Amino acid sequence: MTEKKVALKMVIDGKERDVSFEELALSNNLAQEALVRLLIQKKIIEPKQLLEMMETVKKERYRTPDDM
């Protein structure tokens, strides 16, 4: 079994707890999904807008030196 690397240490009710990178990533994904669902449910954004913005961010983030 491989040892999980510690991403951060938390203190809850006086007890120290290690949080792995996997747990941190899962927590971030859950929070992001909940936020997106609320924004869509409250009709603040449309699913199509989200997909379009994701594509925009992807193009900005993963551009090659030739694109600059």
PDB file of N, CA and C in Angstrom:
ATOM      1  N   MET A   1       0.840  -1.189   0.000  1.00  0.00           N
ATOM      2  CA  MET A   1       0.000   0.000   0.000  1.00  0.00           C
ATOM      3  C   MET A   1       0.877   1.241   0.000  1.00  0.00           C
ATOM      4  N   THR A   2       0.573   2.209  -0.878  1.00  0.00           N
ATOM      5  CA  THR A   2       1.365   3.429  -0.937  1.00  0.00           C
ATOM      6  C   THR A   2       0.892   4.413   0.122  1.00  0.00           C
ATOM      7  N   GLU A   3       1.852   5.136   0.658  1.00  0.00           N
ATOM      8  CA  GLU A   3       1.550   6.117   1.695  1.00  0.00           C
ATOM      9  C   GLU A   3       1.017   7.393   1.053  1.00  0.00           C
ATOM     10  N   LYS A   4      -0.054   7.922   1.616  1.00  0.00           N
ATOM     11  CA  LYS A   4      -0.628   9.159   1.089  1.00  0.00           C
ATOM     12  C   LYS A   4       0.171  10.347   1.590  1.00  0.00           C
ATOM     13  N   LYS A   5       0.453  11.282   0.691  1.00  0.00           N
ATOM     14  CA  LYS A   5       1.175  12.490   1.079  1.00  0.00           C
ATOM     15  C   LYS A   5       0.192  13.465   1.717  1.00  0.00           C
ATOM     16  N   VAL A   6       0.658  14.171   2.711  1.00  0.00           N
ATOM     17  CA  VAL A   6      -0.178  15.114   3.444  1.00  0.00           C
ATOM     18  C   VAL A   6      -0.186  16.461   2.717  1.00  0.00           C
ATOM     19  N   ALA A   7      -1.394  16.932   2.385  1.00  0.00           N
ATOM     20  CA  ALA A   7      -1.548  18.220   1.720  1.00  0.00           C
ATOM     21  C   ALA A   7      -1.600  19.341   2.745  1.00  0.00           C
ATOM     22  N   LEU A   8      -2.266  19.081   3.870  1.00  0.00           N
ATOM     23  CA  LEU A   8      -2.347  20.071   4.938  1.00  0.00           C
ATOM     24  C   LEU A   8      -2.744  19.404   6.235  1.00  0.00           C
ATOM     25  N   LYS A   9      -2.486  20.110   7.309  1.00  0.00           N
ATOM     26  CA  LYS A   9      -2.874  19.625   8.632  1.00  0.00           C
ATOM     27  C   LYS A   9      -3.959  20.546   9.157  1.00  0.00           C
ATOM     28  N   MET A  10      -5.013  19.934   9.704  1.00  0.00           N
ATOM     29  CA  MET A  10      -6.117  20.702  10.257  1.00  0.00           C
ATOM     30  C   MET A  10      -6.234  20.385  11.736  1.00  0.00           C
ATOM     31  N   VAL A  11      -6.700  21.372  12.509  1.00  0.00           N
ATOM     32  CA  VAL A  11      -6.996  21.139  13.910  1.00  0.00           C
ATOM     33  C   VAL A  11      -8.491  21.376  14.093  1.00  0.00           C
ATOM     34  N   ILE A  12      -9.185  20.318  14.475  1.00  0.00           N
ATOM     35  CA  ILE A  12     -10.625  20.373  14.688  1.00  0.00           C
ATOM     36  C   ILE A  12     -10.899  19.900  16.104  1.00  0.00           C
ATOM     37  N   ASP A  13     -11.542  20.748  16.883  1.00  0.00           N
ATOM     38  CA  ASP A  13     -11.839  20.423  18.283  1.00  0.00           C
ATOM     39  C   ASP A  13     -10.582  19.996  19.040  1.00  0.00           C
ATOM     40  N   GLY A  14      -9.478  20.667  18.755  1.00  0.00           N
ATOM     41  CA  GLY A  14      -8.236  20.382  19.452  1.00  0.00           C
ATOM     42  C   GLY A  14      -7.494  19.157  18.968  1.00  0.00           C
ATOM     43  N   LYS A  15      -8.031  18.460  17.979  1.00  0.00           N
ATOM     44  CA  LYS A  15      -7.380  17.260  17.442  1.00  0.00           C
ATOM     45  C   LYS A  15      -6.787  17.558  16.074  1.00  0.00           C
ATOM     46  N   GLU A  16      -5.519  17.166  15.886  1.00  0.00           N
ATOM     47  CA  GLU A  16      -4.848  17.380  14.609  1.00  0.00           C
ATOM     48  C   GLU A  16      -5.234  16.272  13.637  1.00  0.00           C
ATOM     49  N   ARG A  17      -5.493  16.680  12.390  1.00  0.00           N
ATOM     50  CA  ARG A  17      -5.876  15.709  11.365  1.00  0.00           C
ATOM     51  C   ARG A  17      -5.119  16.017  10.083  1.00  0.00           C
ATOM     52  N   ASP A  18      -4.527  14.982   9.492  1.00  0.00           N
ATOM     53  CA  ASP A  18      -3.846  15.124   8.199  1.00  0.00           C
ATOM     54  C   ASP A  18      -4.867  14.982   7.079  1.00  0.00           C
ATOM     55  N   VAL A  19      -4.745  15.840   6.078  1.00  0.00           N
ATOM     56  CA  VAL A  19      -5.620  15.787   4.908  1.00  0.00           C
ATOM     57  C   VAL A  19      -4.741  15.473   3.702  1.00  0.00           C
ATOM     58  N   SER A  20      -5.081  14.406   2.992  1.00  0.00           N
ATOM     59  CA  SER A  20      -4.286  14.000   1.829  1.00  0.00           C
ATOM     60  C   SER A  20      -4.660  14.855   0.618  1.00  0.00           C
ATOM     61  N   PHE A  21      -3.801  14.832  -0.379  1.00  0.00           N
ATOM     62  CA  PHE A  21      -4.084  15.556  -1.622  1.00  0.00           C
ATOM     63  C   PHE A  21      -5.360  15.010  -2.263  1.00  0.00           C
ATOM     64  N   GLU A  22      -5.562  13.699  -2.167  1.00  0.00           N
ATOM     65  CA  GLU A  22      -6.764  13.082  -2.727  1.00  0.00           C
ATOM     66  C   GLU A  22      -8.026  13.616  -2.041  1.00  0.00           C
ATOM     67  N   GLU A  23      -7.986  13.684  -0.708  1.00  0.00           N
ATOM     68  CA  GLU A  23      -9.138  14.203   0.050  1.00  0.00           C
ATOM     69  C   GLU A  23      -9.388  15.676  -0.266  1.00  0.00           C
ATOM     70  N   LEU A  24      -8.314  16.430  -0.398  1.00  0.00           N
ATOM     71  CA  LEU A  24      -8.432  17.853  -0.707  1.00  0.00           C
ATOM     72  C   LEU A  24      -9.028  18.059  -2.097  1.00  0.00           C
ATOM     73  N   ALA A  25      -8.582  17.270  -3.064  1.00  0.00           N
ATOM     74  CA  ALA A  25      -9.123  17.364  -4.424  1.00  0.00           C
ATOM     75  C   ALA A  25     -10.599  16.998  -4.444  1.00  0.00           C
ATOM     76  N   LEU A  26     -10.971  15.935  -3.740  1.00  0.00           N
ATOM     77  CA  LEU A  26     -12.364  15.521  -3.678  1.00  0.00           C
ATOM     78  C   LEU A  26     -13.223  16.612  -3.047  1.00  0.00           C
ATOM     79  N   SER A  27     -12.734  17.189  -1.962  1.00  0.00           N
ATOM     80  CA  SER A  27     -13.465  18.261  -1.285  1.00  0.00           C
ATOM     81  C   SER A  27     -13.672  19.455  -2.212  1.00  0.00           C
ATOM     82  N   ASN A  28     -12.625  19.833  -2.941  1.00  0.00           N
ATOM     83  CA  ASN A  28     -12.736  20.946  -3.881  1.00  0.00           C
ATOM     84  C   ASN A  28     -13.738  20.635  -4.986  1.00  0.00           C
ATOM     85  N   ASN A  29     -13.716  19.409  -5.503  1.00  0.00           N
ATOM     86  CA  ASN A  29     -14.648  19.016  -6.556  1.00  0.00           C
ATOM     87  C   ASN A  29     -16.086  19.044  -6.063  1.00  0.00           C
ATOM     88  N   LEU A  30     -16.321  18.556  -4.847  1.00  0.00           N
ATOM     89  CA  LEU A  30     -17.675  18.564  -4.283  1.00  0.00           C
ATOM     90  C   LEU A  30     -18.182  19.994  -4.097  1.00  0.00           C
ATOM     91  N   ALA A  31     -17.325  20.866  -3.579  1.00  0.00           N
ATOM     92  CA  ALA A  31     -17.717  22.259  -3.374  1.00  0.00           C
ATOM     93  C   ALA A  31     -18.011  22.943  -4.707  1.00  0.00           C
ATOM     94  N   GLN A  32     -17.182  22.686  -5.711  1.00  0.00           N
ATOM     95  CA  GLN A  32     -17.380  23.282  -7.025  1.00  0.00           C
ATOM     96  C   GLN A  32     -18.680  22.789  -7.651  1.00  0.00           C
ATOM     97  N   GLU A  33     -18.966  21.507  -7.545  1.00  0.00           N
ATOM     98  CA  GLU A  33     -20.198  20.967  -8.101  1.00  0.00           C
ATOM     99  C   GLU A  33     -21.423  21.554  -7.400  1.00  0.00           C
ATOM    100  N   ALA A  34     -21.357  21.675  -6.085  1.00  0.00           N
ATOM    101  CA  ALA A  34     -22.467  22.255  -5.332  1.00  0.00           C
ATOM    102  C   ALA A  34     -22.703  23.704  -5.754  1.00  0.00           C
ATOM    103  N   LEU A  35     -21.632  24.466  -5.922  1.00  0.00           N
ATOM    104  CA  LEU A  35     -21.755  25.860  -6.340  1.00  0.00           C
ATOM    105  C   LEU A  35     -22.377  25.977  -7.729  1.00  0.00           C
ATOM    106  N   VAL A  36     -21.912  25.161  -8.661  1.00  0.00           N
ATOM    107  CA  VAL A  36     -22.453  25.185 -10.022  1.00  0.00           C
ATOM    108  C   VAL A  36     -23.942  24.819 -10.010  1.00  0.00           C
ATOM    109  N   ARG A  37     -24.295  23.795  -9.254  1.00  0.00           N
ATOM    110  CA  ARG A  37     -25.705  23.398  -9.180  1.00  0.00           C
ATOM    111  C   ARG A  37     -26.574  24.531  -8.635  1.00  0.00           C
ATOM    112  N   LEU A  38     -26.095  25.218  -7.597  1.00  0.00           N
ATOM    113  CA  LEU A  38     -26.859  26.337  -7.037  1.00  0.00           C
ATOM    114  C   LEU A  38     -27.015  27.470  -8.044  1.00  0.00           C
ATOM    115  N   LEU A  39     -25.938  27.806  -8.735  1.00  0.00           N
ATOM    116  CA  LEU A  39     -25.999  28.885  -9.729  1.00  0.00           C
ATOM    117  C   LEU A  39     -26.995  28.564 -10.836  1.00  0.00           C
ATOM    118  N   ILE A  40     -27.036  27.311 -11.263  1.00  0.00           N
ATOM    119  CA  ILE A  40     -27.976  26.897 -12.308  1.00  0.00           C
ATOM    120  C   ILE A  40     -29.397  26.844 -11.747  1.00  0.00           C
ATOM    121  N   GLN A  41     -29.545  26.281 -10.560  1.00  0.00           N
ATOM    122  CA  GLN A  41     -30.865  26.164  -9.931  1.00  0.00           C
ATOM    123  C   GLN A  41     -31.496  27.539  -9.703  1.00  0.00           C
ATOM    124  N   LYS A  42     -30.691  28.522  -9.324  1.00  0.00           N
ATOM    125  CA  LYS A  42     -31.201  29.873  -9.076  1.00  0.00           C
ATOM    126  C   LYS A  42     -31.267  30.702 -10.365  1.00  0.00           C
ATOM    127  N   LYS A  43     -30.974  30.042 -11.484  1.00  0.00           N
ATOM    128  CA  LYS A  43     -31.026  30.657 -12.813  1.00  0.00           C
ATOM    129  C   LYS A  43     -30.098  31.876 -12.935  1.00  0.00           C
ATOM    130  N   ILE A  44     -28.976  31.793 -12.258  1.00  0.00           N
ATOM    131  CA  ILE A  44     -27.959  32.842 -12.364  1.00  0.00           C
ATOM    132  C   ILE A  44     -27.121  32.604 -13.613  1.00  0.00           C
ATOM    133  N   ILE A  45     -26.881  31.332 -13.907  1.00  0.00           N
ATOM    134  CA  ILE A  45     -26.199  30.955 -15.146  1.00  0.00           C
ATOM    135  C   ILE A  45     -26.970  29.819 -15.799  1.00  0.00           C
ATOM    136  N   GLU A  46     -26.731  29.645 -17.094  1.00  0.00           N
ATOM    137  CA  GLU A  46     -27.298  28.526 -17.853  1.00  0.00           C
ATOM    138  C   GLU A  46     -26.179  27.496 -18.066  1.00  0.00           C
ATOM    139  N   PRO A  47     -26.543  26.221 -18.101  1.00  0.00           N
ATOM    140  CA  PRO A  47     -25.508  25.196 -18.328  1.00  0.00           C
ATOM    141  C   PRO A  47     -24.653  25.476 -19.563  1.00  0.00           C
ATOM    142  N   LYS A  48     -25.274  25.978 -20.622  1.00  0.00           N
ATOM    143  CA  LYS A  48     -24.530  26.281 -21.848  1.00  0.00           C
ATOM    144  C   LYS A  48     -23.463  27.348 -21.592  1.00  0.00           C
ATOM    145  N   GLN A  49     -23.803  28.357 -20.775  1.00  0.00           N
ATOM    146  CA  GLN A  49     -22.829  29.399 -20.443  1.00  0.00           C
ATOM    147  C   GLN A  49     -21.629  28.809 -19.718  1.00  0.00           C
ATOM    148  N   LEU A  50     -21.894  27.887 -18.809  1.00  0.00           N
ATOM    149  CA  LEU A  50     -20.816  27.250 -18.060  1.00  0.00           C
ATOM    150  C   LEU A  50     -19.889  26.493 -19.007  1.00  0.00           C
ATOM    151  N   LEU A  51     -20.464  25.712 -19.900  1.00  0.00           N
ATOM    152  CA  LEU A  51     -19.650  24.948 -20.849  1.00  0.00           C
ATOM    153  C   LEU A  51     -18.828  25.865 -21.753  1.00  0.00           C
ATOM    154  N   GLU A  52     -19.432  26.968 -22.191  1.00  0.00           N
ATOM    155  CA  GLU A  52     -18.705  27.922 -23.034  1.00  0.00           C
ATOM    156  C   GLU A  52     -17.541  28.553 -22.268  1.00  0.00           C
ATOM    157  N   MET A  53     -17.776  28.910 -21.003  1.00  0.00           N
ATOM    158  CA  MET A  53     -16.715  29.525 -20.210  1.00  0.00           C
ATOM    159  C   MET A  53     -15.617  28.514 -19.908  1.00  0.00           C
ATOM    160  N   MET A  54     -15.992  27.266 -19.678  1.00  0.00           N
ATOM    161  CA  MET A  54     -14.985  26.232 -19.459  1.00  0.00           C
ATOM    162  C   MET A  54     -14.090  26.085 -20.679  1.00  0.00           C
ATOM    163  N   GLU A  55     -14.674  26.157 -21.856  1.00  0.00           N
ATOM    164  CA  GLU A  55     -13.891  26.060 -23.090  1.00  0.00           C
ATOM    165  C   GLU A  55     -12.963  27.270 -23.219  1.00  0.00           C
ATOM    166  N   THR A  56     -13.465  28.458 -22.879  1.00  0.00           N
ATOM    167  CA  THR A  56     -12.644  29.670 -22.920  1.00  0.00           C
ATOM    168  C   THR A  56     -11.457  29.555 -21.974  1.00  0.00           C
ATOM    169  N   VAL A  57     -11.710  29.135 -20.755  1.00  0.00           N
ATOM    170  CA  VAL A  57     -10.646  28.999 -19.762  1.00  0.00           C
ATOM    171  C   VAL A  57      -9.633  27.950 -20.206  1.00  0.00           C
ATOM    172  N   LYS A  58     -10.127  26.859 -20.760  1.00  0.00           N
ATOM    173  CA  LYS A  58      -9.243  25.797 -21.252  1.00  0.00           C
ATOM    174  C   LYS A  58      -8.308  26.339 -22.327  1.00  0.00           C
ATOM    175  N   LYS A  59      -8.858  27.119 -23.252  1.00  0.00           N
ATOM    176  CA  LYS A  59      -8.031  27.686 -24.333  1.00  0.00           C
ATOM    177  C   LYS A  59      -6.999  28.660 -23.773  1.00  0.00           C
ATOM    178  N   GLU A  60      -7.392  29.457 -22.784  1.00  0.00           N
ATOM    179  CA  GLU A  60      -6.465  30.424 -22.180  1.00  0.00           C
ATOM    180  C   GLU A  60      -5.366  29.717 -21.386  1.00  0.00           C
ATOM    181  N   ARG A  61      -5.752  28.727 -20.652  1.00  0.00           N
ATOM    182  CA  ARG A  61      -4.815  28.055 -19.744  1.00  0.00           C
ATOM    183  C   ARG A  61      -3.846  27.146 -20.478  1.00  0.00           C
ATOM    184  N   TYR A  62      -4.313  26.490 -21.525  1.00  0.00           N
ATOM    185  CA  TYR A  62      -3.495  25.486 -22.189  1.00  0.00           C
ATOM    186  C   TYR A  62      -3.017  25.916 -23.565  1.00  0.00           C
ATOM    187  N   ARG A  63      -2.811  27.193 -23.729  1.00  0.00           N
ATOM    188  CA  ARG A  63      -2.310  27.631 -25.031  1.00  0.00           C
ATOM    189  C   ARG A  63      -0.825  27.329 -25.163  1.00  0.00           C
ATOM    190  N   THR A  64      -0.404  27.173 -26.382  1.00  0.00           N
ATOM    191  CA  THR A  64       0.984  26.857 -26.672  1.00  0.00           C
ATOM    192  C   THR A  64       1.754  28.146 -26.918  1.00  0.00           C
ATOM    193  N   PRO A  65       3.095  28.092 -26.881  1.00  0.00           N
ATOM    194  CA  PRO A  65       3.877  29.312 -27.166  1.00  0.00           C
ATOM    195  C   PRO A  65       3.548  29.910 -28.532  1.00  0.00           C
ATOM    196  N   ASP A  66       3.131  29.076 -29.497  1.00  0.00           N
ATOM    197  CA  ASP A  66       2.785  29.580 -30.833  1.00  0.00           C
ATOM    198  C   ASP A  66       1.527  30.434 -30.793  1.00  0.00           C
ATOM    199  N   ASP A  67       0.644  30.217 -29.777  1.00  0.00           N
ATOM    200  CA  ASP A  67      -0.608  30.960 -29.676  1.00  0.00           C
ATOM    201  C   ASP A  67      -0.412  32.358 -29.083  1.00  0.00           C
ATOM    202  N   MET A  68       0.747  32.628 -28.530  1.00  0.00           N
ATOM    203  CA  MET A  68       0.979  33.906 -27.825  1.00  0.00           C
ATOM    204  C   MET A  68       1.388  34.999 -28.765  1.00  0.00           C
TER     205      MET A  68
END
